[in-house]
Amino acid sequence: MVPVRVDVSRSNGALVSLSTFTRPDGTFSVSYAGSSREYGHYSAAAAHPSEGKRRGKGQAEWDVLGMRARPPVAKLEGEAVNEFSSVFVNITRYIYSRLL
């Protein structure tokens, strides 16, 4: 097993480093779960821990455009922008009141 560091960089400049080890066949996996307040463009690059941290264009890239709610169903009133998007004003108060 070989150590692997995966650097996940966000479009706002934040960098998170995750550590894992390869399996006997040389593959590896790691999970990254950002906070519920994170969104934007993400990039991930894997390397041996002895190499410097990697920022910028990575080996995998993705965008986070929405959120997941627990409980999975929430009733909120908002304004539809188009068939894919809606606008909700200050839903934080509603979400936190449900958590307390």
PDB file of N, CA and C in Angstrom:
ATOM      1  N   MET A   1       0.839  -1.183   0.000  1.00  0.00           N
ATOM      2  CA  MET A   1       0.000   0.000   0.000  1.00  0.00           C
ATOM      3  C   MET A   1       0.887   1.250   0.000  1.00  0.00           C
ATOM      4  N   VAL A   2       0.498   2.184  -0.853  1.00  0.00           N
ATOM      5  CA  VAL A   2       1.261   3.420  -1.021  1.00  0.00           C
ATOM      6  C   VAL A   2       0.384   4.586  -0.562  1.00  0.00           C
ATOM      7  N   PRO A   3       0.922   5.541   0.212  1.00  0.00           N
ATOM      8  CA  PRO A   3       0.116   6.694   0.617  1.00  0.00           C
ATOM      9  C   PRO A   3      -0.186   7.601  -0.573  1.00  0.00           C
ATOM     10  N   VAL A   4      -1.382   8.179  -0.554  1.00  0.00           N
ATOM     11  CA  VAL A   4      -1.831   9.097  -1.597  1.00  0.00           C
ATOM     12  C   VAL A   4      -2.454  10.310  -0.914  1.00  0.00           C
ATOM     13  N   ARG A   5      -2.131  11.508  -1.409  1.00  0.00           N
ATOM     14  CA  ARG A   5      -2.770  12.726  -0.935  1.00  0.00           C
ATOM     15  C   ARG A   5      -3.621  13.270  -2.080  1.00  0.00           C
ATOM     16  N   VAL A   6      -4.861  13.594  -1.786  1.00  0.00           N
ATOM     17  CA  VAL A   6      -5.756  14.191  -2.771  1.00  0.00           C
ATOM     18  C   VAL A   6      -6.036  15.621  -2.331  1.00  0.00           C
ATOM     19  N   ASP A   7      -5.648  16.579  -3.162  1.00  0.00           N
ATOM     20  CA  ASP A   7      -5.891  17.997  -2.875  1.00  0.00           C
ATOM     21  C   ASP A   7      -7.142  18.438  -3.619  1.00  0.00           C
ATOM     22  N   VAL A   8      -8.112  18.936  -2.878  1.00  0.00           N
ATOM     23  CA  VAL A   8      -9.358  19.448  -3.456  1.00  0.00           C
ATOM     24  C   VAL A   8      -9.316  20.961  -3.315  1.00  0.00           C
ATOM     25  N   SER A   9      -9.303  21.661  -4.451  1.00  0.00           N
ATOM     26  CA  SER A   9      -9.288  23.122  -4.405  1.00  0.00           C
ATOM     27  C   SER A   9     -10.617  23.659  -4.908  1.00  0.00           C
ATOM     28  N   ARG A  10     -11.061  24.734  -4.269  1.00  0.00           N
ATOM     29  CA  ARG A  10     -12.315  25.381  -4.628  1.00  0.00           C
ATOM     30  C   ARG A  10     -12.025  26.662  -5.389  1.00  0.00           C
ATOM     31  N   SER A  11     -13.024  27.139  -6.105  1.00  0.00           N
ATOM     32  CA  SER A  11     -12.867  28.346  -6.906  1.00  0.00           C
ATOM     33  C   SER A  11     -12.570  29.579  -6.049  1.00  0.00           C
ATOM     34  N   ASN A  12     -12.871  29.531  -4.759  1.00  0.00           N
ATOM     35  CA  ASN A  12     -12.588  30.673  -3.883  1.00  0.00           C
ATOM     36  C   ASN A  12     -11.169  30.625  -3.319  1.00  0.00           C
ATOM     37  N   GLY A  13     -10.362  29.633  -3.733  1.00  0.00           N
ATOM     38  CA  GLY A  13      -8.981  29.533  -3.285  1.00  0.00           C
ATOM     39  C   GLY A  13      -8.751  28.581  -2.131  1.00  0.00           C
ATOM     40  N   ALA A  14      -9.813  28.095  -1.502  1.00  0.00           N
ATOM     41  CA  ALA A  14      -9.657  27.166  -0.379  1.00  0.00           C
ATOM     42  C   ALA A  14      -9.090  25.836  -0.871  1.00  0.00           C
ATOM     43  N   LEU A  15      -8.270  25.210  -0.042  1.00  0.00           N
ATOM     44  CA  LEU A  15      -7.654  23.927  -0.391  1.00  0.00           C
ATOM     45  C   LEU A  15      -7.817  22.963   0.773  1.00  0.00           C
ATOM     46  N   VAL A  16      -8.301  21.766   0.475  1.00  0.00           N
ATOM     47  CA  VAL A  16      -8.450  20.708   1.469  1.00  0.00           C
ATOM     48  C   VAL A  16      -7.617  19.531   1.001  1.00  0.00           C
ATOM     49  N   SER A  17      -6.797  18.984   1.896  1.00  0.00           N
ATOM     50  CA  SER A  17      -5.989  17.807   1.561  1.00  0.00           C
ATOM     51  C   SER A  17      -6.542  16.597   2.286  1.00  0.00           C
ATOM     52  N   LEU A  18      -6.768  15.526   1.535  1.00  0.00           N
ATOM     53  CA  LEU A  18      -7.283  14.268   2.081  1.00  0.00           C
ATOM     54  C   LEU A  18      -6.235  13.186   1.887  1.00  0.00           C
ATOM     55  N   SER A  19      -6.143  12.258   2.825  1.00  0.00           N
ATOM     56  CA  SER A  19      -5.141  11.193   2.744  1.00  0.00           C
ATOM     57  C   SER A  19      -5.811   9.833   2.643  1.00  0.00           C
ATOM     58  N   THR A  20      -5.188   8.942   1.898  1.00  0.00           N
ATOM     59  CA  THR A  20      -5.662   7.573   1.762  1.00  0.00           C
ATOM     60  C   THR A  20      -4.482   6.698   1.368  1.00  0.00           C
ATOM     61  N   PHE A  21      -4.730   5.425   1.133  1.00  0.00           N
ATOM     62  CA  PHE A  21      -3.710   4.481   0.690  1.00  0.00           C
ATOM     63  C   PHE A  21      -4.220   3.713  -0.514  1.00  0.00           C
ATOM     64  N   THR A  22      -3.312   3.285  -1.367  1.00  0.00           N
ATOM     65  CA  THR A  22      -3.714   2.454  -2.504  1.00  0.00           C
ATOM     66  C   THR A  22      -4.113   1.071  -2.005  1.00  0.00           C
ATOM     67  N   ARG A  23      -4.948   0.406  -2.781  1.00  0.00           N
ATOM     68  CA  ARG A  23      -5.294  -0.996  -2.541  1.00  0.00           C
ATOM     69  C   ARG A  23      -4.189  -1.860  -3.162  1.00  0.00           C
ATOM     70  N   PRO A  24      -4.208  -3.156  -2.903  1.00  0.00           N
ATOM     71  CA  PRO A  24      -3.179  -4.018  -3.498  1.00  0.00           C
ATOM     72  C   PRO A  24      -3.108  -3.929  -5.026  1.00  0.00           C
ATOM     73  N   ASP A  25      -4.243  -3.619  -5.678  1.00  0.00           N
ATOM     74  CA  ASP A  25      -4.241  -3.531  -7.144  1.00  0.00           C
ATOM     75  C   ASP A  25      -3.802  -2.149  -7.644  1.00  0.00           C
ATOM     76  N   GLY A  26      -3.448  -1.224  -6.725  1.00  0.00           N
ATOM     77  CA  GLY A  26      -2.966   0.094  -7.118  1.00  0.00           C
ATOM     78  C   GLY A  26      -4.028   1.170  -7.189  1.00  0.00           C
ATOM     79  N   THR A  27      -5.291   0.801  -7.058  1.00  0.00           N
ATOM     80  CA  THR A  27      -6.367   1.798  -7.091  1.00  0.00           C
ATOM     81  C   THR A  27      -6.562   2.391  -5.705  1.00  0.00           C
ATOM     82  N   PHE A  28      -7.259   3.517  -5.651  1.00  0.00           N
ATOM     83  CA  PHE A  28      -7.590   4.138  -4.373  1.00  0.00           C
ATOM     84  C   PHE A  28      -8.882   4.913  -4.518  1.00  0.00           C
ATOM     85  N   SER A  29      -9.473   5.251  -3.398  1.00  0.00           N
ATOM     86  CA  SER A  29     -10.662   6.108  -3.402  1.00  0.00           C
ATOM     87  C   SER A  29     -10.637   6.957  -2.142  1.00  0.00           C
ATOM     88  N   VAL A  30     -11.291   8.078  -2.224  1.00  0.00           N
ATOM     89  CA  VAL A  30     -11.418   8.984  -1.094  1.00  0.00           C
ATOM     90  C   VAL A  30     -12.725   9.748  -1.284  1.00  0.00           C
ATOM     91  N   SER A  31     -13.357  10.123  -0.189  1.00  0.00           N
ATOM     92  CA  SER A  31     -14.622  10.862  -0.267  1.00  0.00           C
ATOM     93  C   SER A  31     -14.430  12.263   0.290  1.00  0.00           C
ATOM     94  N   TYR A  32     -15.008  13.223  -0.385  1.00  0.00           N
ATOM     95  CA  TYR A  32     -14.986  14.606   0.076  1.00  0.00           C
ATOM     96  C   TYR A  32     -16.423  15.081   0.196  1.00  0.00           C
ATOM     97  N   ALA A  33     -16.790  15.541   1.370  1.00  0.00           N
ATOM     98  CA  ALA A  33     -18.125  16.094   1.586  1.00  0.00           C
ATOM     99  C   ALA A  33     -17.953  17.487   2.160  1.00  0.00           C
ATOM    100  N   GLY A  34     -18.213  18.468   1.359  1.00  0.00           N
ATOM    101  CA  GLY A  34     -18.095  19.849   1.811  1.00  0.00           C
ATOM    102  C   GLY A  34     -19.230  20.209   2.746  1.00  0.00           C
ATOM    103  N   SER A  35     -19.150  21.380   3.323  1.00  0.00           N
ATOM    104  CA  SER A  35     -20.220  21.826   4.217  1.00  0.00           C
ATOM    105  C   SER A  35     -21.437  22.248   3.397  1.00  0.00           C
ATOM    106  N   SER A  36     -22.549  22.399   4.067  1.00  0.00           N
ATOM    107  CA  SER A  36     -23.779  22.776   3.369  1.00  0.00           C
ATOM    108  C   SER A  36     -23.709  24.185   2.809  1.00  0.00           C
ATOM    109  N   ARG A  37     -22.705  24.966   3.204  1.00  0.00           N
ATOM    110  CA  ARG A  37     -22.567  26.340   2.720  1.00  0.00           C
ATOM    111  C   ARG A  37     -21.623  26.457   1.531  1.00  0.00           C
ATOM    112  N   GLU A  38     -21.024  25.351   1.110  1.00  0.00           N
ATOM    113  CA  GLU A  38     -20.052  25.399   0.022  1.00  0.00           C
ATOM    114  C   GLU A  38     -20.732  25.240  -1.335  1.00  0.00           C
ATOM    115  N   TYR A  39     -20.212  25.945  -2.308  1.00  0.00           N
ATOM    116  CA  TYR A  39     -20.665  25.819  -3.691  1.00  0.00           C
ATOM    117  C   TYR A  39     -19.565  26.366  -4.580  1.00  0.00           C
ATOM    118  N   GLY A  40     -19.677  26.120  -5.863  1.00  0.00           N
ATOM    119  CA  GLY A  40     -18.702  26.644  -6.813  1.00  0.00           C
ATOM    120  C   GLY A  40     -18.026  25.547  -7.604  1.00  0.00           C
ATOM    121  N   HIS A  41     -16.889  25.889  -8.168  1.00  0.00           N
ATOM    122  CA  HIS A  41     -16.126  24.958  -8.998  1.00  0.00           C
ATOM    123  C   HIS A  41     -15.050  24.291  -8.140  1.00  0.00           C
ATOM    124  N   TYR A  42     -14.910  22.983  -8.283  1.00  0.00           N
ATOM    125  CA  TYR A  42     -13.941  22.204  -7.519  1.00  0.00           C
ATOM    126  C   TYR A  42     -13.003  21.483  -8.469  1.00  0.00           C
ATOM    127  N   SER A  43     -11.785  21.271  -8.009  1.00  0.00           N
ATOM    128  CA  SER A  43     -10.781  20.550  -8.775  1.00  0.00           C
ATOM    129  C   SER A  43     -10.021  19.658  -7.812  1.00  0.00           C
ATOM    130  N   ALA A  44      -9.739  18.431  -8.211  1.00  0.00           N
ATOM    131  CA  ALA A  44      -9.010  17.496  -7.346  1.00  0.00           C
ATOM    132  C   ALA A  44      -7.816  16.925  -8.097  1.00  0.00           C
ATOM    133  N   ALA A  45      -6.698  16.802  -7.388  1.00  0.00           N
ATOM    134  CA  ALA A  45      -5.482  16.226  -7.956  1.00  0.00           C
ATOM    135  C   ALA A  45      -4.879  15.283  -6.923  1.00  0.00           C
ATOM    136  N   ALA A  46      -4.448  14.108  -7.363  1.00  0.00           N
ATOM    137  CA  ALA A  46      -3.852  13.114  -6.472  1.00  0.00           C
ATOM    138  C   ALA A  46      -2.358  13.028  -6.723  1.00  0.00           C
ATOM    139  N   ALA A  47      -1.587  12.810  -5.648  1.00  0.00           N
ATOM    140  CA  ALA A  47      -0.134  12.697  -5.755  1.00  0.00           C
ATOM    141  C   ALA A  47       0.399  11.988  -4.514  1.00  0.00           C
ATOM    142  N   HIS A  48       1.646  11.611  -4.573  1.00  0.00           N
ATOM    143  CA  HIS A  48       2.311  11.077  -3.395  1.00  0.00           C
ATOM    144  C   HIS A  48       2.468  12.227  -2.396  1.00  0.00           C
ATOM    145  N   PRO A  49       2.307  11.966  -1.097  1.00  0.00           N
ATOM    146  CA  PRO A  49       2.397  13.050  -0.108  1.00  0.00           C
ATOM    147  C   PRO A  49       3.704  13.841  -0.135  1.00  0.00           C
ATOM    148  N   SER A  50       4.777  13.278  -0.662  1.00  0.00           N
ATOM    149  CA  SER A  50       6.051  14.010  -0.698  1.00  0.00           C
ATOM    150  C   SER A  50       6.065  15.120  -1.743  1.00  0.00           C
ATOM    151  N   GLU A  51       5.133  15.075  -2.700  1.00  0.00           N
ATOM    152  CA  GLU A  51       5.038  16.145  -3.706  1.00  0.00           C
ATOM    153  C   GLU A  51       4.314  17.342  -3.102  1.00  0.00           C
ATOM    154  N   GLY A  52       4.560  18.514  -3.631  1.00  0.00           N
ATOM    155  CA  GLY A  52       3.913  19.722  -3.130  1.00  0.00           C
ATOM    156  C   GLY A  52       2.418  19.709  -3.366  1.00  0.00           C
ATOM    157  N   LYS A  53       1.723  20.577  -2.638  1.00  0.00           N
ATOM    158  CA  LYS A  53       0.269  20.680  -2.808  1.00  0.00           C
ATOM    159  C   LYS A  53      -0.046  21.161  -4.211  1.00  0.00           C
ATOM    160  N   ARG A  54      -1.170  20.682  -4.730  1.00  0.00           N
ATOM    161  CA  ARG A  54      -1.554  21.002  -6.104  1.00  0.00           C
ATOM    162  C   ARG A  54      -2.802  21.859  -6.113  1.00  0.00           C
ATOM    163  N   ARG A  55      -2.730  22.972  -6.808  1.00  0.00           N
ATOM    164  CA  ARG A  55      -3.884  23.859  -6.994  1.00  0.00           C
ATOM    165  C   ARG A  55      -4.139  24.006  -8.483  1.00  0.00           C
ATOM    166  N   GLY A  56      -5.298  24.535  -8.799  1.00  0.00           N
ATOM    167  CA  GLY A  56      -5.606  24.774 -10.197  1.00  0.00           C
ATOM    168  C   GLY A  56      -6.234  23.571 -10.859  1.00  0.00           C
ATOM    169  N   LYS A  57      -6.024  23.445 -12.147  1.00  0.00           N
ATOM    170  CA  LYS A  57      -6.652  22.365 -12.915  1.00  0.00           C
ATOM    171  C   LYS A  57      -6.163  21.015 -12.412  1.00  0.00           C
ATOM    172  N   GLY A  58      -7.098  20.186 -12.024  1.00  0.00           N
ATOM    173  CA  GLY A  58      -6.769  18.889 -11.450  1.00  0.00           C
ATOM    174  C   GLY A  58      -7.077  17.737 -12.387  1.00  0.00           C
ATOM    175  N   GLN A  59      -7.047  16.549 -11.831  1.00  0.00           N
ATOM    176  CA  GLN A  59      -7.335  15.343 -12.597  1.00  0.00           C
ATOM    177  C   GLN A  59      -8.833  15.060 -12.650  1.00  0.00           C
ATOM    178  N   ALA A  60      -9.580  15.725 -11.772  1.00  0.00           N
ATOM    179  CA  ALA A  60     -11.043  15.628 -11.774  1.00  0.00           C
ATOM    180  C   ALA A  60     -11.593  17.003 -11.409  1.00  0.00           C
ATOM    181  N   GLU A  61     -12.690  17.386 -12.038  1.00  0.00           N
ATOM    182  CA  GLU A  61     -13.310  18.675 -11.764  1.00  0.00           C
ATOM    183  C   GLU A  61     -14.813  18.522 -11.732  1.00  0.00           C
ATOM    184  N   TRP A  62     -15.475  19.344 -10.906  1.00  0.00           N
ATOM    185  CA  TRP A  62     -16.928  19.313 -10.828  1.00  0.00           C
ATOM    186  C   TRP A  62     -17.424  20.637 -10.279  1.00  0.00           C
ATOM    187  N   ASP A  63     -18.733  20.866 -10.451  1.00  0.00           N
ATOM    188  CA  ASP A  63     -19.384  22.073  -9.947  1.00  0.00           C
ATOM    189  C   ASP A  63     -20.478  21.685  -8.977  1.00  0.00           C
ATOM    190  N   VAL A  64     -20.597  22.440  -7.900  1.00  0.00           N
ATOM    191  CA  VAL A  64     -21.688  22.269  -6.946  1.00  0.00           C
ATOM    192  C   VAL A  64     -22.597  23.474  -7.126  1.00  0.00           C
ATOM    193  N   LEU A  65     -23.841  23.190  -7.506  1.00  0.00           N
ATOM    194  CA  LEU A  65     -24.775  24.269  -7.809  1.00  0.00           C
ATOM    195  C   LEU A  65     -25.964  24.314  -6.867  1.00  0.00           C
ATOM    196  N   GLY A  66     -26.121  23.303  -6.035  1.00  0.00           N
ATOM    197  CA  GLY A  66     -27.304  23.249  -5.186  1.00  0.00           C
ATOM    198  C   GLY A  66     -26.980  22.719  -3.813  1.00  0.00           C
ATOM    199  N   MET A  67     -27.998  22.182  -3.166  1.00  0.00           N
ATOM    200  CA  MET A  67     -27.825  21.668  -1.823  1.00  0.00           C
ATOM    201  C   MET A  67     -28.677  20.427  -1.616  1.00  0.00           C
ATOM    202  N   ARG A  68     -28.368  19.688  -0.563  1.00  0.00           N
ATOM    203  CA  ARG A  68     -29.184  18.549  -0.162  1.00  0.00           C
ATOM    204  C   ARG A  68     -29.797  18.913   1.175  1.00  0.00           C
ATOM    205  N   ALA A  69     -31.072  18.643   1.344  1.00  0.00           N
ATOM    206  CA  ALA A  69     -31.762  18.991   2.576  1.00  0.00           C
ATOM    207  C   ALA A  69     -32.095  17.737   3.371  1.00  0.00           C
ATOM    208  N   ARG A  70     -31.957  17.869   4.695  1.00  0.00           N
ATOM    209  CA  ARG A  70     -32.415  16.817   5.600  1.00  0.00           C
ATOM    210  C   ARG A  70     -33.381  17.454   6.568  1.00  0.00           C
ATOM    211  N   PRO A  71     -34.600  17.072   6.657  1.00  0.00           N
ATOM    212  CA  PRO A  71     -35.200  15.951   5.935  1.00  0.00           C
ATOM    213  C   PRO A  71     -35.224  16.222   4.434  1.00  0.00           C
ATOM    214  N   PRO A  72     -35.325  15.146   3.634  1.00  0.00           N
ATOM    215  CA  PRO A  72     -35.215  15.310   2.182  1.00  0.00           C
ATOM    216  C   PRO A  72     -36.339  16.118   1.551  1.00  0.00           C
ATOM    217  N   VAL A  73     -37.402  16.372   2.295  1.00  0.00           N
ATOM    218  CA  VAL A  73     -38.514  17.150   1.756  1.00  0.00           C
ATOM    219  C   VAL A  73     -38.673  18.405   2.599  1.00  0.00           C
ATOM    220  N   ALA A  74     -38.657  19.530   1.946  1.00  0.00           N
ATOM    221  CA  ALA A  74     -38.878  20.799   2.631  1.00  0.00           C
ATOM    222  C   ALA A  74     -39.842  21.615   1.798  1.00  0.00           C
ATOM    223  N   LYS A  75     -40.789  22.235   2.437  1.00  0.00           N
ATOM    224  CA  LYS A  75     -41.758  23.054   1.720  1.00  0.00           C
ATOM    225  C   LYS A  75     -41.353  24.517   1.865  1.00  0.00           C
ATOM    226  N   LEU A  76     -40.928  25.099   0.783  1.00  0.00           N
ATOM    227  CA  LEU A  76     -40.538  26.500   0.753  1.00  0.00           C
ATOM    228  C   LEU A  76     -41.247  27.176  -0.412  1.00  0.00           C
ATOM    229  N   GLU A  77     -41.593  28.420  -0.235  1.00  0.00           N
ATOM    230  CA  GLU A  77     -42.200  29.159  -1.325  1.00  0.00           C
ATOM    231  C   GLU A  77     -41.142  30.043  -1.962  1.00  0.00           C
ATOM    232  N   GLY A  78     -41.072  29.995  -3.270  1.00  0.00           N
ATOM    233  CA  GLY A  78     -40.072  30.782  -3.975  1.00  0.00           C
ATOM    234  C   GLY A  78     -40.599  31.204  -5.334  1.00  0.00           C
ATOM    235  N   GLU A  79     -39.749  31.889  -6.061  1.00  0.00           N
ATOM    236  CA  GLU A  79     -40.100  32.372  -7.385  1.00  0.00           C
ATOM    237  C   GLU A  79     -39.346  31.562  -8.428  1.00  0.00           C
ATOM    238  N   ALA A  80     -40.074  30.969  -9.373  1.00  0.00           N
ATOM    239  CA  ALA A  80     -39.440  30.179 -10.426  1.00  0.00           C
ATOM    240  C   ALA A  80     -38.731  31.098 -11.411  1.00  0.00           C
ATOM    241  N   VAL A  81     -37.449  30.789 -11.679  1.00  0.00           N
ATOM    242  CA  VAL A  81     -36.678  31.548 -12.663  1.00  0.00           C
ATOM    243  C   VAL A  81     -36.885  30.934 -14.035  1.00  0.00           C
ATOM    244  N   ASN A  82     -36.774  29.615 -14.091  1.00  0.00           N
ATOM    245  CA  ASN A  82     -37.050  28.858 -15.305  1.00  0.00           C
ATOM    246  C   ASN A  82     -37.384  27.431 -14.863  1.00  0.00           C
ATOM    247  N   GLU A  83     -37.440  26.488 -15.778  1.00  0.00           N
ATOM    248  CA  GLU A  83     -37.835  25.124 -15.404  1.00  0.00           C
ATOM    249  C   GLU A  83     -36.786  24.412 -14.554  1.00  0.00           C
ATOM    250  N   PHE A  84     -35.577  24.944 -14.436  1.00  0.00           N
ATOM    251  CA  PHE A  84     -34.509  24.306 -13.679  1.00  0.00           C
ATOM    252  C   PHE A  84     -34.142  25.028 -12.382  1.00  0.00           C
ATOM    253  N   SER A  85     -34.533  26.276 -12.228  1.00  0.00           N
ATOM    254  CA  SER A  85     -34.072  27.067 -11.093  1.00  0.00           C
ATOM    255  C   SER A  85     -35.200  27.820 -10.427  1.00  0.00           C
ATOM    256  N   SER A  86     -35.040  28.041  -9.131  1.00  0.00           N
ATOM    257  CA  SER A  86     -35.956  28.857  -8.347  1.00  0.00           C
ATOM    258  C   SER A  86     -35.138  29.748  -7.432  1.00  0.00           C
ATOM    259  N   VAL A  87     -35.749  30.826  -6.985  1.00  0.00           N
ATOM    260  CA  VAL A  87     -35.088  31.748  -6.068  1.00  0.00           C
ATOM    261  C   VAL A  87     -35.805  31.682  -4.730  1.00  0.00           C
ATOM    262  N   PHE A  88     -35.034  31.452  -3.657  1.00  0.00           N
ATOM    263  CA  PHE A  88     -35.563  31.451  -2.307  1.00  0.00           C
ATOM    264  C   PHE A  88     -34.811  32.520  -1.529  1.00  0.00           C
ATOM    265  N   VAL A  89     -35.535  33.380  -0.866  1.00  0.00           N
ATOM    266  CA  VAL A  89     -34.910  34.468  -0.128  1.00  0.00           C
ATOM    267  C   VAL A  89     -34.742  34.056   1.328  1.00  0.00           C
ATOM    268  N   ASN A  90     -33.507  34.121   1.829  1.00  0.00           N
ATOM    269  CA  ASN A  90     -33.168  33.879   3.226  1.00  0.00           C
ATOM    270  C   ASN A  90     -33.786  32.596   3.781  1.00  0.00           C
ATOM    271  N   ILE A  91     -33.455  31.466   3.174  1.00  0.00           N
ATOM    272  CA  ILE A  91     -33.975  30.189   3.672  1.00  0.00           C
ATOM    273  C   ILE A  91     -33.202  29.706   4.888  1.00  0.00           C
ATOM    274  N   THR A  92     -32.101  30.357   5.226  1.00  0.00           N
ATOM    275  CA  THR A  92     -31.287  29.932   6.362  1.00  0.00           C
ATOM    276  C   THR A  92     -32.100  29.909   7.648  1.00  0.00           C
ATOM    277  N   ARG A  93     -32.885  30.933   7.887  1.00  0.00           N
ATOM    278  CA  ARG A  93     -33.700  31.001   9.099  1.00  0.00           C
ATOM    279  C   ARG A  93     -34.646  29.803   9.160  1.00  0.00           C
ATOM    280  N   TYR A  94     -35.250  29.438   8.044  1.00  0.00           N
ATOM    281  CA  TYR A  94     -36.172  28.303   8.006  1.00  0.00           C
ATOM    282  C   TYR A  94     -35.432  27.006   8.302  1.00  0.00           C
ATOM    283  N   ILE A  95     -34.279  26.817   7.679  1.00  0.00           N
ATOM    284  CA  ILE A  95     -33.524  25.575   7.861  1.00  0.00           C
ATOM    285  C   ILE A  95     -33.061  25.435   9.296  1.00  0.00           C
ATOM    286  N   TYR A  96     -32.479  26.493   9.868  1.00  0.00           N
ATOM    287  CA  TYR A  96     -31.987  26.401  11.240  1.00  0.00           C
ATOM    288  C   TYR A  96     -33.120  26.224  12.254  1.00  0.00           C
ATOM    289  N   SER A  97     -34.278  26.809  12.008  1.00  0.00           N
ATOM    290  CA  SER A  97     -35.385  26.623  12.941  1.00  0.00           C
ATOM    291  C   SER A  97     -35.854  25.171  12.945  1.00  0.00           C
ATOM    292  N   ARG A  98     -35.693  24.476  11.821  1.00  0.00           N
ATOM    293  CA  ARG A  98     -36.075  23.061  11.744  1.00  0.00           C
ATOM    294  C   ARG A  98     -35.044  22.167  12.422  1.00  0.00           C
ATOM    295  N   LEU A  99     -33.793  22.621  12.533  1.00  0.00           N
ATOM    296  CA  LEU A  99     -32.745  21.818  13.153  1.00  0.00           C
ATOM    297  C   LEU A  99     -32.789  21.898  14.675  1.00  0.00           C
ATOM    298  N   LEU A 100     -33.331  22.969  15.203  1.00  0.00           N
ATOM    299  CA  LEU A 100     -33.345  23.170  16.667  1.00  0.00           C
ATOM    300  C   LEU A 100     -34.454  22.405  17.338  1.00  0.00           C
TER     301      LEU A 100
END
